[in-house]
Amino acid sequence: NITDVLNCNISGVKYVSSKTINKVIQVHDRIFCCMAGSLADAQAVTKAAKSHLSFHSVQMETPPLVIAAASVLKDLCYKSKEELQAGFITAGWDRKKGPQVYIVALGGMLISQPVTIGGSGSTYIYGYVDAKYKPNMSREECLQFATNALALAMGRDNVSGGVAHLVVITEKGVEHVVVPGDKLPKFHDE
């Protein structure tokens, strides 16, 4: 939709931003990452990570662990920390530790957390996440929590997007859920 794309000319530099791009990228069967920062940098890193993880999977004859995927992203970001402006939330399920979430911050720092947020809209929702997150939520509670957090971020941050792309990752498989902008909850006059 052409109205979802902002096309500006800033100091002679053409800037294009899409509010509907899916920033949730599958890097292996049950491992996904959310991109933040420069889209071009993040796409280059995820492309390299997919290649590393595919090779790893063939070599080891088993799917990679989630920590392995997060570590690949960390290494790629750290090696090019002076040139890259990209951070990632890596989440997935593996046979060794079950569900996991890691954040790879700008510069390549890797941290395991039960829940994490990132990107420009995250500054608006720390209070919400701290107040509403609880361990062992049901699938429905998790989807509502994530949808609300994204809607709150999008309502305040004009570059956070307009569509919520969610992925449910379990031992049984992967489920993609897309919540269009007109179906997102409203928390204030926008």
N, C-alpha and C. Protein backbone atom coordinates (compact mmCIF):
# COMPACT_ATOMS: atom_id res chain seq x y z
N ASN A 1 0.85 -1.17 0.00
CA ASN A 1 0.00 0.00 0.00
C ASN A 1 0.89 1.23 0.00
N ILE A 2 0.73 2.06 -0.98
CA ILE A 2 1.60 3.22 -1.16
C ILE A 2 1.50 4.20 0.01
N THR A 3 0.37 4.25 0.69
CA THR A 3 0.24 5.17 1.82
C THR A 3 1.03 4.69 3.03
N ASP A 4 1.46 3.43 3.02
CA ASP A 4 2.26 2.91 4.13
C ASP A 4 3.74 3.25 3.99
N VAL A 5 4.13 3.83 2.87
CA VAL A 5 5.53 4.14 2.64
C VAL A 5 5.72 5.65 2.72
N LEU A 6 6.66 6.07 3.56
CA LEU A 6 7.02 7.47 3.67
C LEU A 6 8.22 7.70 2.77
N ASN A 7 8.17 8.68 1.93
CA ASN A 7 9.26 8.95 1.01
C ASN A 7 9.66 10.41 1.21
N CYS A 8 10.80 10.65 1.83
CA CYS A 8 11.23 11.99 2.16
C CYS A 8 12.57 12.28 1.53
N ASN A 9 12.84 13.54 1.30
CA ASN A 9 14.13 13.97 0.80
C ASN A 9 14.77 14.81 1.89
N ILE A 10 15.74 14.24 2.62
CA ILE A 10 16.37 14.92 3.74
C ILE A 10 17.81 15.24 3.35
N SER A 11 18.14 16.53 3.21
CA SER A 11 19.50 16.97 2.86
C SER A 11 20.04 16.24 1.64
N GLY A 12 19.21 16.04 0.65
CA GLY A 12 19.65 15.40 -0.58
C GLY A 12 19.71 13.88 -0.49
N VAL A 13 19.41 13.30 0.67
CA VAL A 13 19.44 11.85 0.82
C VAL A 13 18.00 11.34 0.77
N LYS A 14 17.76 10.40 -0.09
CA LYS A 14 16.43 9.82 -0.21
C LYS A 14 16.22 8.82 0.92
N TYR A 15 15.11 8.90 1.62
CA TYR A 15 14.81 8.05 2.76
C TYR A 15 13.47 7.39 2.52
N VAL A 16 13.43 6.07 2.57
CA VAL A 16 12.18 5.34 2.38
C VAL A 16 11.96 4.48 3.62
N SER A 17 10.78 4.58 4.19
CA SER A 17 10.45 3.80 5.39
C SER A 17 9.10 3.13 5.17
N SER A 18 9.04 1.84 5.44
CA SER A 18 7.78 1.11 5.32
C SER A 18 7.25 0.80 6.71
N LYS A 19 5.97 1.06 6.93
CA LYS A 19 5.37 0.76 8.22
C LYS A 19 4.74 -0.63 8.26
N THR A 20 4.92 -1.40 7.18
CA THR A 20 4.34 -2.74 7.17
C THR A 20 5.38 -3.84 7.01
N ILE A 21 6.64 -3.51 6.95
CA ILE A 21 7.67 -4.53 6.76
C ILE A 21 7.70 -5.49 7.94
N ASN A 22 7.93 -6.75 7.64
CA ASN A 22 8.03 -7.77 8.68
C ASN A 22 9.46 -7.79 9.20
N LYS A 23 9.66 -7.40 10.44
CA LYS A 23 10.99 -7.38 11.04
C LYS A 23 11.29 -8.65 11.81
N VAL A 24 10.44 -9.67 11.67
CA VAL A 24 10.65 -10.96 12.31
C VAL A 24 11.14 -11.92 11.23
N ILE A 25 12.41 -12.34 11.36
CA ILE A 25 13.05 -13.13 10.32
C ILE A 25 13.37 -14.53 10.84
N GLN A 26 13.02 -15.54 10.06
CA GLN A 26 13.33 -16.92 10.42
C GLN A 26 14.78 -17.21 10.02
N VAL A 27 15.60 -17.60 11.01
CA VAL A 27 17.00 -17.93 10.71
C VAL A 27 17.24 -19.44 10.71
N HIS A 28 16.32 -20.19 11.29
CA HIS A 28 16.31 -21.65 11.18
C HIS A 28 14.90 -22.13 11.52
N ASP A 29 14.67 -23.44 11.46
CA ASP A 29 13.31 -23.99 11.58
C ASP A 29 12.52 -23.42 12.76
N ARG A 30 13.11 -23.43 13.96
CA ARG A 30 12.40 -22.96 15.16
C ARG A 30 13.16 -21.82 15.83
N ILE A 31 13.86 -21.02 15.02
CA ILE A 31 14.61 -19.89 15.56
C ILE A 31 14.33 -18.66 14.70
N PHE A 32 13.91 -17.58 15.37
CA PHE A 32 13.58 -16.33 14.68
C PHE A 32 14.33 -15.19 15.36
N CYS A 33 14.48 -14.11 14.61
CA CYS A 33 15.04 -12.91 15.25
C CYS A 33 14.23 -11.70 14.80
N CYS A 34 14.14 -10.75 15.71
CA CYS A 34 13.51 -9.46 15.42
C CYS A 34 14.62 -8.47 15.18
N MET A 35 14.50 -7.70 14.12
CA MET A 35 15.53 -6.75 13.75
C MET A 35 15.22 -5.36 14.28
N ALA A 36 16.28 -4.64 14.66
CA ALA A 36 16.16 -3.23 15.04
C ALA A 36 17.37 -2.50 14.50
N GLY A 37 17.21 -1.23 14.24
CA GLY A 37 18.31 -0.43 13.70
C GLY A 37 18.21 -0.31 12.20
N SER A 38 19.37 -0.25 11.54
CA SER A 38 19.42 -0.13 10.09
C SER A 38 18.90 -1.41 9.44
N LEU A 39 17.87 -1.28 8.63
CA LEU A 39 17.29 -2.44 7.98
C LEU A 39 18.30 -3.13 7.06
N ALA A 40 19.06 -2.35 6.31
CA ALA A 40 20.05 -2.94 5.40
C ALA A 40 21.09 -3.74 6.18
N ASP A 41 21.60 -3.17 7.29
CA ASP A 41 22.57 -3.88 8.12
C ASP A 41 21.96 -5.15 8.70
N ALA A 42 20.75 -5.03 9.23
CA ALA A 42 20.09 -6.18 9.86
C ALA A 42 19.84 -7.29 8.85
N GLN A 43 19.42 -6.93 7.64
CA GLN A 43 19.17 -7.93 6.61
C GLN A 43 20.47 -8.63 6.21
N ALA A 44 21.55 -7.88 6.10
CA ALA A 44 22.84 -8.50 5.75
C ALA A 44 23.29 -9.47 6.84
N VAL A 45 23.13 -9.09 8.09
CA VAL A 45 23.53 -9.95 9.20
C VAL A 45 22.66 -11.21 9.25
N THR A 46 21.35 -11.06 9.09
CA THR A 46 20.47 -12.24 9.15
C THR A 46 20.73 -13.18 7.98
N LYS A 47 21.06 -12.63 6.82
CA LYS A 47 21.38 -13.47 5.67
C LYS A 47 22.63 -14.30 5.96
N ALA A 48 23.66 -13.66 6.51
CA ALA A 48 24.89 -14.39 6.87
C ALA A 48 24.62 -15.41 7.96
N ALA A 49 23.79 -15.04 8.95
CA ALA A 49 23.47 -15.96 10.05
C ALA A 49 22.73 -17.19 9.53
N LYS A 50 21.79 -17.00 8.62
CA LYS A 50 21.07 -18.13 8.04
C LYS A 50 22.05 -19.10 7.37
N SER A 51 23.00 -18.55 6.65
CA SER A 51 24.00 -19.38 5.97
C SER A 51 24.84 -20.16 6.98
N HIS A 52 25.32 -19.49 8.02
CA HIS A 52 26.10 -20.15 9.07
C HIS A 52 25.29 -21.27 9.73
N LEU A 53 24.04 -20.98 10.06
CA LEU A 53 23.22 -21.96 10.78
C LEU A 53 22.83 -23.14 9.90
N SER A 54 22.62 -22.88 8.62
CA SER A 54 22.32 -23.97 7.68
C SER A 54 23.52 -24.90 7.57
N PHE A 55 24.70 -24.32 7.43
CA PHE A 55 25.92 -25.12 7.36
C PHE A 55 26.13 -25.90 8.66
N HIS A 56 25.92 -25.24 9.79
CA HIS A 56 26.05 -25.87 11.10
C HIS A 56 25.09 -27.07 11.22
N SER A 57 23.88 -26.89 10.78
CA SER A 57 22.86 -27.94 10.87
C SER A 57 23.26 -29.16 10.04
N VAL A 58 23.79 -28.93 8.85
CA VAL A 58 24.22 -30.03 7.99
C VAL A 58 25.43 -30.72 8.61
N GLN A 59 26.37 -29.92 9.08
CA GLN A 59 27.60 -30.46 9.67
C GLN A 59 27.32 -31.30 10.92
N MET A 60 26.45 -30.80 11.77
CA MET A 60 26.16 -31.48 13.04
C MET A 60 25.04 -32.52 12.92
N GLU A 61 24.35 -32.54 11.78
CA GLU A 61 23.23 -33.44 11.53
C GLU A 61 22.11 -33.28 12.56
N THR A 62 21.94 -32.06 13.03
CA THR A 62 20.89 -31.74 13.99
C THR A 62 20.61 -30.24 13.92
N PRO A 63 19.41 -29.82 14.24
CA PRO A 63 19.13 -28.37 14.23
C PRO A 63 20.01 -27.64 15.24
N PRO A 64 20.36 -26.40 14.95
CA PRO A 64 21.19 -25.64 15.89
C PRO A 64 20.40 -25.28 17.15
N LEU A 65 21.12 -25.09 18.24
CA LEU A 65 20.51 -24.60 19.47
C LEU A 65 20.22 -23.11 19.31
N VAL A 66 19.27 -22.62 20.08
CA VAL A 66 18.92 -21.20 20.02
C VAL A 66 20.12 -20.35 20.43
N ILE A 67 20.86 -20.76 21.45
CA ILE A 67 22.03 -20.02 21.89
C ILE A 67 23.08 -19.96 20.77
N ALA A 68 23.17 -21.01 19.96
CA ALA A 68 24.11 -21.01 18.83
C ALA A 68 23.71 -19.93 17.82
N ALA A 69 22.43 -19.83 17.53
CA ALA A 69 21.95 -18.80 16.60
C ALA A 69 22.23 -17.40 17.15
N ALA A 70 21.92 -17.20 18.42
CA ALA A 70 22.18 -15.89 19.04
C ALA A 70 23.67 -15.59 19.04
N SER A 71 24.50 -16.60 19.26
CA SER A 71 25.95 -16.41 19.26
C SER A 71 26.47 -16.05 17.87
N VAL A 72 25.92 -16.66 16.83
CA VAL A 72 26.30 -16.31 15.46
C VAL A 72 25.98 -14.85 15.19
N LEU A 73 24.78 -14.42 15.57
CA LEU A 73 24.40 -13.02 15.39
C LEU A 73 25.32 -12.10 16.18
N LYS A 74 25.63 -12.49 17.41
CA LYS A 74 26.54 -11.71 18.25
C LYS A 74 27.90 -11.56 17.59
N ASP A 75 28.46 -12.68 17.12
CA ASP A 75 29.78 -12.65 16.49
C ASP A 75 29.78 -11.76 15.24
N LEU A 76 28.75 -11.89 14.42
CA LEU A 76 28.67 -11.06 13.21
C LEU A 76 28.57 -9.58 13.56
N CYS A 77 27.78 -9.25 14.58
CA CYS A 77 27.63 -7.85 14.99
C CYS A 77 28.91 -7.33 15.63
N TYR A 78 29.56 -8.14 16.45
CA TYR A 78 30.77 -7.69 17.15
C TYR A 78 31.91 -7.45 16.17
N LYS A 79 32.09 -8.36 15.20
CA LYS A 79 33.18 -8.22 14.23
C LYS A 79 33.06 -6.94 13.41
N SER A 80 31.85 -6.45 13.23
CA SER A 80 31.64 -5.24 12.42
C SER A 80 30.99 -4.13 13.23
N LYS A 81 31.28 -4.08 14.52
CA LYS A 81 30.59 -3.14 15.41
C LYS A 81 30.79 -1.67 15.04
N GLU A 82 31.89 -1.35 14.37
CA GLU A 82 32.13 0.04 13.97
C GLU A 82 31.30 0.44 12.75
N GLU A 83 30.89 -0.55 11.96
CA GLU A 83 30.17 -0.25 10.72
C GLU A 83 28.66 -0.53 10.80
N LEU A 84 28.25 -1.44 11.69
CA LEU A 84 26.85 -1.88 11.73
C LEU A 84 26.02 -1.08 12.72
N GLN A 85 24.78 -0.87 12.39
CA GLN A 85 23.79 -0.29 13.29
C GLN A 85 22.60 -1.23 13.33
N ALA A 86 22.80 -2.40 13.94
CA ALA A 86 21.73 -3.40 13.98
C ALA A 86 21.78 -4.15 15.30
N GLY A 87 20.60 -4.41 15.84
CA GLY A 87 20.46 -5.22 17.04
C GLY A 87 19.37 -6.24 16.80
N PHE A 88 19.36 -7.30 17.61
CA PHE A 88 18.43 -8.40 17.39
C PHE A 88 17.89 -8.97 18.69
N ILE A 89 16.65 -9.39 18.65
CA ILE A 89 16.10 -10.25 19.68
C ILE A 89 16.00 -11.62 19.01
N THR A 90 16.65 -12.60 19.59
CA THR A 90 16.62 -13.96 19.03
C THR A 90 15.80 -14.83 19.96
N ALA A 91 14.84 -15.53 19.39
CA ALA A 91 13.97 -16.39 20.19
C ALA A 91 13.74 -17.70 19.44
N GLY A 92 13.52 -18.74 20.22
CA GLY A 92 13.26 -20.01 19.57
C GLY A 92 13.06 -21.12 20.58
N TRP A 93 12.98 -22.31 20.03
CA TRP A 93 12.81 -23.52 20.84
C TRP A 93 13.83 -24.54 20.36
N ASP A 94 14.51 -25.20 21.31
CA ASP A 94 15.39 -26.31 20.93
C ASP A 94 15.22 -27.45 21.93
N ARG A 95 15.73 -28.61 21.54
CA ARG A 95 15.55 -29.83 22.33
C ARG A 95 16.28 -29.79 23.66
N LYS A 96 17.32 -28.96 23.77
CA LYS A 96 18.13 -28.94 24.99
C LYS A 96 17.52 -28.08 26.10
N LYS A 97 17.08 -26.85 25.77
CA LYS A 97 16.60 -25.92 26.79
C LYS A 97 15.17 -25.46 26.58
N GLY A 98 14.49 -25.96 25.55
CA GLY A 98 13.12 -25.53 25.30
C GLY A 98 13.07 -24.10 24.80
N PRO A 99 12.07 -23.30 25.25
CA PRO A 99 11.94 -21.92 24.75
C PRO A 99 13.00 -21.01 25.38
N GLN A 100 13.53 -20.10 24.56
CA GLN A 100 14.57 -19.17 25.02
C GLN A 100 14.46 -17.84 24.29
N VAL A 101 14.96 -16.78 24.95
CA VAL A 101 15.02 -15.45 24.36
C VAL A 101 16.37 -14.84 24.68
N TYR A 102 17.00 -14.27 23.66
CA TYR A 102 18.29 -13.59 23.82
C TYR A 102 18.22 -12.24 23.12
N ILE A 103 18.97 -11.30 23.64
CA ILE A 103 19.10 -10.02 22.96
C ILE A 103 20.55 -9.84 22.55
N VAL A 104 20.75 -9.44 21.31
CA VAL A 104 22.06 -9.06 20.80
C VAL A 104 21.98 -7.56 20.56
N ALA A 105 22.61 -6.81 21.45
CA ALA A 105 22.55 -5.35 21.37
C ALA A 105 23.53 -4.82 20.32
N LEU A 106 23.37 -3.54 19.97
CA LEU A 106 24.32 -2.90 19.08
C LEU A 106 25.73 -3.14 19.61
N GLY A 107 26.63 -3.53 18.75
CA GLY A 107 28.00 -3.79 19.17
C GLY A 107 28.26 -5.24 19.50
N GLY A 108 27.22 -6.06 19.64
CA GLY A 108 27.42 -7.49 19.80
C GLY A 108 27.34 -8.05 21.20
N MET A 109 26.77 -7.33 22.14
CA MET A 109 26.60 -7.89 23.49
C MET A 109 25.43 -8.88 23.48
N LEU A 110 25.61 -10.05 24.10
CA LEU A 110 24.59 -11.10 24.12
C LEU A 110 24.13 -11.36 25.54
N ILE A 111 22.80 -11.30 25.76
CA ILE A 111 22.23 -11.52 27.09
C ILE A 111 21.00 -12.42 26.94
N SER A 112 20.89 -13.40 27.83
CA SER A 112 19.70 -14.24 27.90
C SER A 112 18.73 -13.61 28.90
N GLN A 113 17.46 -13.51 28.50
CA GLN A 113 16.45 -12.93 29.38
C GLN A 113 15.13 -13.66 29.20
N PRO A 114 14.29 -13.67 30.23
CA PRO A 114 12.98 -14.31 30.07
C PRO A 114 12.06 -13.52 29.13
N VAL A 115 12.24 -12.21 29.10
CA VAL A 115 11.50 -11.34 28.19
C VAL A 115 12.39 -10.14 27.88
N THR A 116 12.31 -9.63 26.67
CA THR A 116 13.11 -8.47 26.33
C THR A 116 12.41 -7.67 25.25
N ILE A 117 12.78 -6.42 25.12
CA ILE A 117 12.24 -5.54 24.09
C ILE A 117 13.41 -4.79 23.46
N GLY A 118 13.20 -4.29 22.26
CA GLY A 118 14.25 -3.55 21.57
C GLY A 118 13.68 -2.69 20.48
N GLY A 119 14.52 -1.84 19.92
CA GLY A 119 14.10 -0.95 18.85
C GLY A 119 13.65 0.39 19.38
N SER A 120 13.41 1.31 18.47
CA SER A 120 13.10 2.69 18.85
C SER A 120 11.81 2.81 19.66
N GLY A 121 10.83 1.97 19.42
CA GLY A 121 9.58 2.03 20.16
C GLY A 121 9.65 1.46 21.56
N SER A 122 10.72 0.72 21.85
CA SER A 122 10.82 0.05 23.15
C SER A 122 10.89 1.02 24.32
N THR A 123 11.43 2.21 24.09
CA THR A 123 11.55 3.17 25.20
C THR A 123 10.19 3.57 25.76
N TYR A 124 9.16 3.42 24.96
CA TYR A 124 7.82 3.81 25.39
C TYR A 124 7.10 2.72 26.20
N ILE A 125 7.64 1.49 26.21
CA ILE A 125 6.86 0.39 26.79
C ILE A 125 7.57 -0.36 27.92
N TYR A 126 8.68 0.14 28.42
CA TYR A 126 9.36 -0.55 29.53
C TYR A 126 8.43 -0.73 30.73
N GLY A 127 7.69 0.30 31.08
CA GLY A 127 6.77 0.22 32.22
C GLY A 127 5.69 -0.82 31.99
N TYR A 128 5.14 -0.84 30.78
CA TYR A 128 4.12 -1.82 30.46
C TYR A 128 4.67 -3.24 30.60
N VAL A 129 5.85 -3.48 30.02
CA VAL A 129 6.44 -4.82 30.06
C VAL A 129 6.74 -5.24 31.50
N ASP A 130 7.33 -4.33 32.28
CA ASP A 130 7.63 -4.64 33.67
C ASP A 130 6.37 -4.96 34.47
N ALA A 131 5.29 -4.24 34.20
CA ALA A 131 4.05 -4.42 34.96
C ALA A 131 3.25 -5.64 34.51
N LYS A 132 3.28 -5.96 33.23
CA LYS A 132 2.36 -6.98 32.70
C LYS A 132 2.99 -8.34 32.40
N TYR A 133 4.31 -8.42 32.25
CA TYR A 133 4.92 -9.72 31.96
C TYR A 133 4.87 -10.61 33.19
N LYS A 134 4.53 -11.86 32.96
CA LYS A 134 4.60 -12.86 34.03
C LYS A 134 5.05 -14.18 33.40
N PRO A 135 5.84 -14.95 34.13
CA PRO A 135 6.30 -16.23 33.58
C PRO A 135 5.14 -17.20 33.36
N ASN A 136 5.33 -18.13 32.46
CA ASN A 136 4.39 -19.22 32.20
C ASN A 136 3.01 -18.76 31.73
N MET A 137 2.97 -17.71 30.92
CA MET A 137 1.69 -17.27 30.35
C MET A 137 1.21 -18.30 29.33
N SER A 138 -0.08 -18.37 29.15
CA SER A 138 -0.66 -19.24 28.12
C SER A 138 -0.36 -18.62 26.75
N ARG A 139 -0.61 -19.40 25.70
CA ARG A 139 -0.42 -18.90 24.33
C ARG A 139 -1.23 -17.63 24.11
N GLU A 140 -2.49 -17.65 24.54
CA GLU A 140 -3.36 -16.50 24.34
C GLU A 140 -2.88 -15.28 25.13
N GLU A 141 -2.44 -15.50 26.37
CA GLU A 141 -1.91 -14.40 27.18
C GLU A 141 -0.65 -13.81 26.55
N CYS A 142 0.21 -14.66 26.03
CA CYS A 142 1.44 -14.18 25.36
C CYS A 142 1.10 -13.35 24.13
N LEU A 143 0.18 -13.85 23.31
CA LEU A 143 -0.19 -13.11 22.11
C LEU A 143 -0.80 -11.75 22.47
N GLN A 144 -1.65 -11.71 23.49
CA GLN A 144 -2.26 -10.44 23.90
C GLN A 144 -1.20 -9.49 24.47
N PHE A 145 -0.31 -10.02 25.29
CA PHE A 145 0.77 -9.22 25.86
C PHE A 145 1.63 -8.60 24.76
N ALA A 146 2.05 -9.42 23.79
CA ALA A 146 2.90 -8.93 22.70
C ALA A 146 2.15 -7.94 21.81
N THR A 147 0.90 -8.24 21.50
CA THR A 147 0.10 -7.33 20.67
C THR A 147 -0.09 -5.99 21.36
N ASN A 148 -0.40 -6.00 22.63
CA ASN A 148 -0.57 -4.75 23.39
C ASN A 148 0.73 -3.96 23.43
N ALA A 149 1.85 -4.65 23.69
CA ALA A 149 3.14 -3.96 23.75
C ALA A 149 3.47 -3.31 22.42
N LEU A 150 3.27 -4.03 21.33
CA LEU A 150 3.54 -3.47 20.01
C LEU A 150 2.60 -2.30 19.69
N ALA A 151 1.33 -2.45 20.03
CA ALA A 151 0.37 -1.36 19.77
C ALA A 151 0.75 -0.11 20.56
N LEU A 152 1.16 -0.29 21.80
CA LEU A 152 1.58 0.86 22.61
C LEU A 152 2.81 1.53 22.01
N ALA A 153 3.78 0.74 21.58
CA ALA A 153 4.99 1.30 20.96
C ALA A 153 4.67 2.01 19.66
N MET A 154 3.84 1.40 18.82
CA MET A 154 3.49 1.99 17.54
C MET A 154 2.68 3.26 17.71
N GLY A 155 1.89 3.33 18.77
CA GLY A 155 1.08 4.51 19.02
C GLY A 155 1.90 5.74 19.38
N ARG A 156 3.11 5.53 19.89
CA ARG A 156 3.97 6.65 20.31
C ARG A 156 5.15 6.90 19.40
N ASP A 157 5.62 5.87 18.70
CA ASP A 157 6.84 5.97 17.89
C ASP A 157 6.46 5.89 16.41
N ASN A 158 6.69 6.96 15.69
CA ASN A 158 6.23 7.01 14.30
C ASN A 158 7.02 6.12 13.34
N VAL A 159 8.10 5.48 13.78
CA VAL A 159 8.82 4.57 12.89
C VAL A 159 8.72 3.11 13.34
N SER A 160 7.87 2.81 14.31
CA SER A 160 7.76 1.44 14.81
C SER A 160 6.90 0.54 13.94
N GLY A 161 6.22 1.05 12.99
CA GLY A 161 5.43 0.19 12.10
C GLY A 161 3.95 0.35 12.31
N GLY A 162 3.17 -0.41 11.54
CA GLY A 162 1.73 -0.31 11.61
C GLY A 162 1.04 -1.66 11.62
N VAL A 163 1.82 -2.74 11.55
CA VAL A 163 1.30 -4.10 11.54
C VAL A 163 2.08 -4.89 12.58
N ALA A 164 1.41 -5.73 13.36
CA ALA A 164 2.09 -6.58 14.33
C ALA A 164 2.31 -7.96 13.72
N HIS A 165 3.57 -8.31 13.53
CA HIS A 165 3.95 -9.64 13.05
C HIS A 165 4.42 -10.43 14.26
N LEU A 166 3.70 -11.49 14.60
CA LEU A 166 4.03 -12.31 15.77
C LEU A 166 4.31 -13.74 15.33
N VAL A 167 5.17 -14.43 16.08
CA VAL A 167 5.46 -15.82 15.79
C VAL A 167 5.40 -16.59 17.10
N VAL A 168 4.63 -17.68 17.12
CA VAL A 168 4.55 -18.57 18.26
C VAL A 168 5.44 -19.77 17.93
N ILE A 169 6.46 -20.00 18.77
CA ILE A 169 7.43 -21.07 18.53
C ILE A 169 7.35 -22.06 19.68
N THR A 170 7.01 -23.31 19.37
CA THR A 170 6.91 -24.34 20.40
C THR A 170 7.58 -25.62 19.90
N GLU A 171 7.60 -26.62 20.74
CA GLU A 171 8.12 -27.93 20.36
C GLU A 171 7.35 -28.49 19.17
N LYS A 172 6.06 -28.18 19.09
CA LYS A 172 5.20 -28.71 18.03
C LYS A 172 5.40 -28.02 16.69
N GLY A 173 5.94 -26.79 16.69
CA GLY A 173 6.13 -26.09 15.43
C GLY A 173 6.06 -24.59 15.58
N VAL A 174 5.79 -23.95 14.45
CA VAL A 174 5.81 -22.49 14.36
C VAL A 174 4.47 -22.02 13.81
N GLU A 175 3.94 -20.97 14.41
CA GLU A 175 2.68 -20.37 13.96
C GLU A 175 2.90 -18.87 13.76
N HIS A 176 2.58 -18.37 12.58
CA HIS A 176 2.68 -16.95 12.28
C HIS A 176 1.33 -16.29 12.52
N VAL A 177 1.34 -15.17 13.22
CA VAL A 177 0.12 -14.40 13.48
C VAL A 177 0.37 -12.97 13.03
N VAL A 178 -0.49 -12.45 12.19
CA VAL A 178 -0.37 -11.07 11.72
C VAL A 178 -1.61 -10.31 12.19
N VAL A 179 -1.37 -9.19 12.88
CA VAL A 179 -2.47 -8.34 13.34
C VAL A 179 -2.37 -7.04 12.55
N PRO A 180 -3.31 -6.80 11.61
CA PRO A 180 -3.27 -5.55 10.83
C PRO A 180 -3.46 -4.33 11.73
N GLY A 181 -2.96 -3.22 11.26
CA GLY A 181 -3.03 -1.99 12.05
C GLY A 181 -4.43 -1.62 12.51
N ASP A 182 -5.44 -1.85 11.68
CA ASP A 182 -6.80 -1.49 12.06
C ASP A 182 -7.41 -2.45 13.08
N LYS A 183 -6.71 -3.56 13.37
CA LYS A 183 -7.19 -4.52 14.37
C LYS A 183 -6.40 -4.45 15.68
N LEU A 184 -5.40 -3.57 15.72
CA LEU A 184 -4.60 -3.41 16.94
C LEU A 184 -5.40 -2.67 18.00
N PRO A 185 -5.19 -3.00 19.27
CA PRO A 185 -5.91 -2.27 20.34
C PRO A 185 -5.47 -0.81 20.39
N LYS A 186 -6.39 0.05 20.80
CA LYS A 186 -6.10 1.49 20.94
C LYS A 186 -6.08 1.81 22.42
N PHE A 187 -5.03 2.50 22.85
CA PHE A 187 -4.88 2.86 24.26
C PHE A 187 -5.02 4.34 24.51
N HIS A 188 -5.00 5.12 23.44
CA HIS A 188 -5.12 6.58 23.56
C HIS A 188 -5.53 7.12 22.19
N ASP A 189 -5.89 8.39 22.14
CA ASP A 189 -6.26 9.00 20.86
C ASP A 189 -5.03 9.06 19.97
N GLU A 190 -5.12 8.47 18.80
CA GLU A 190 -3.98 8.46 17.86
C GLU A 190 -4.33 9.21 16.62
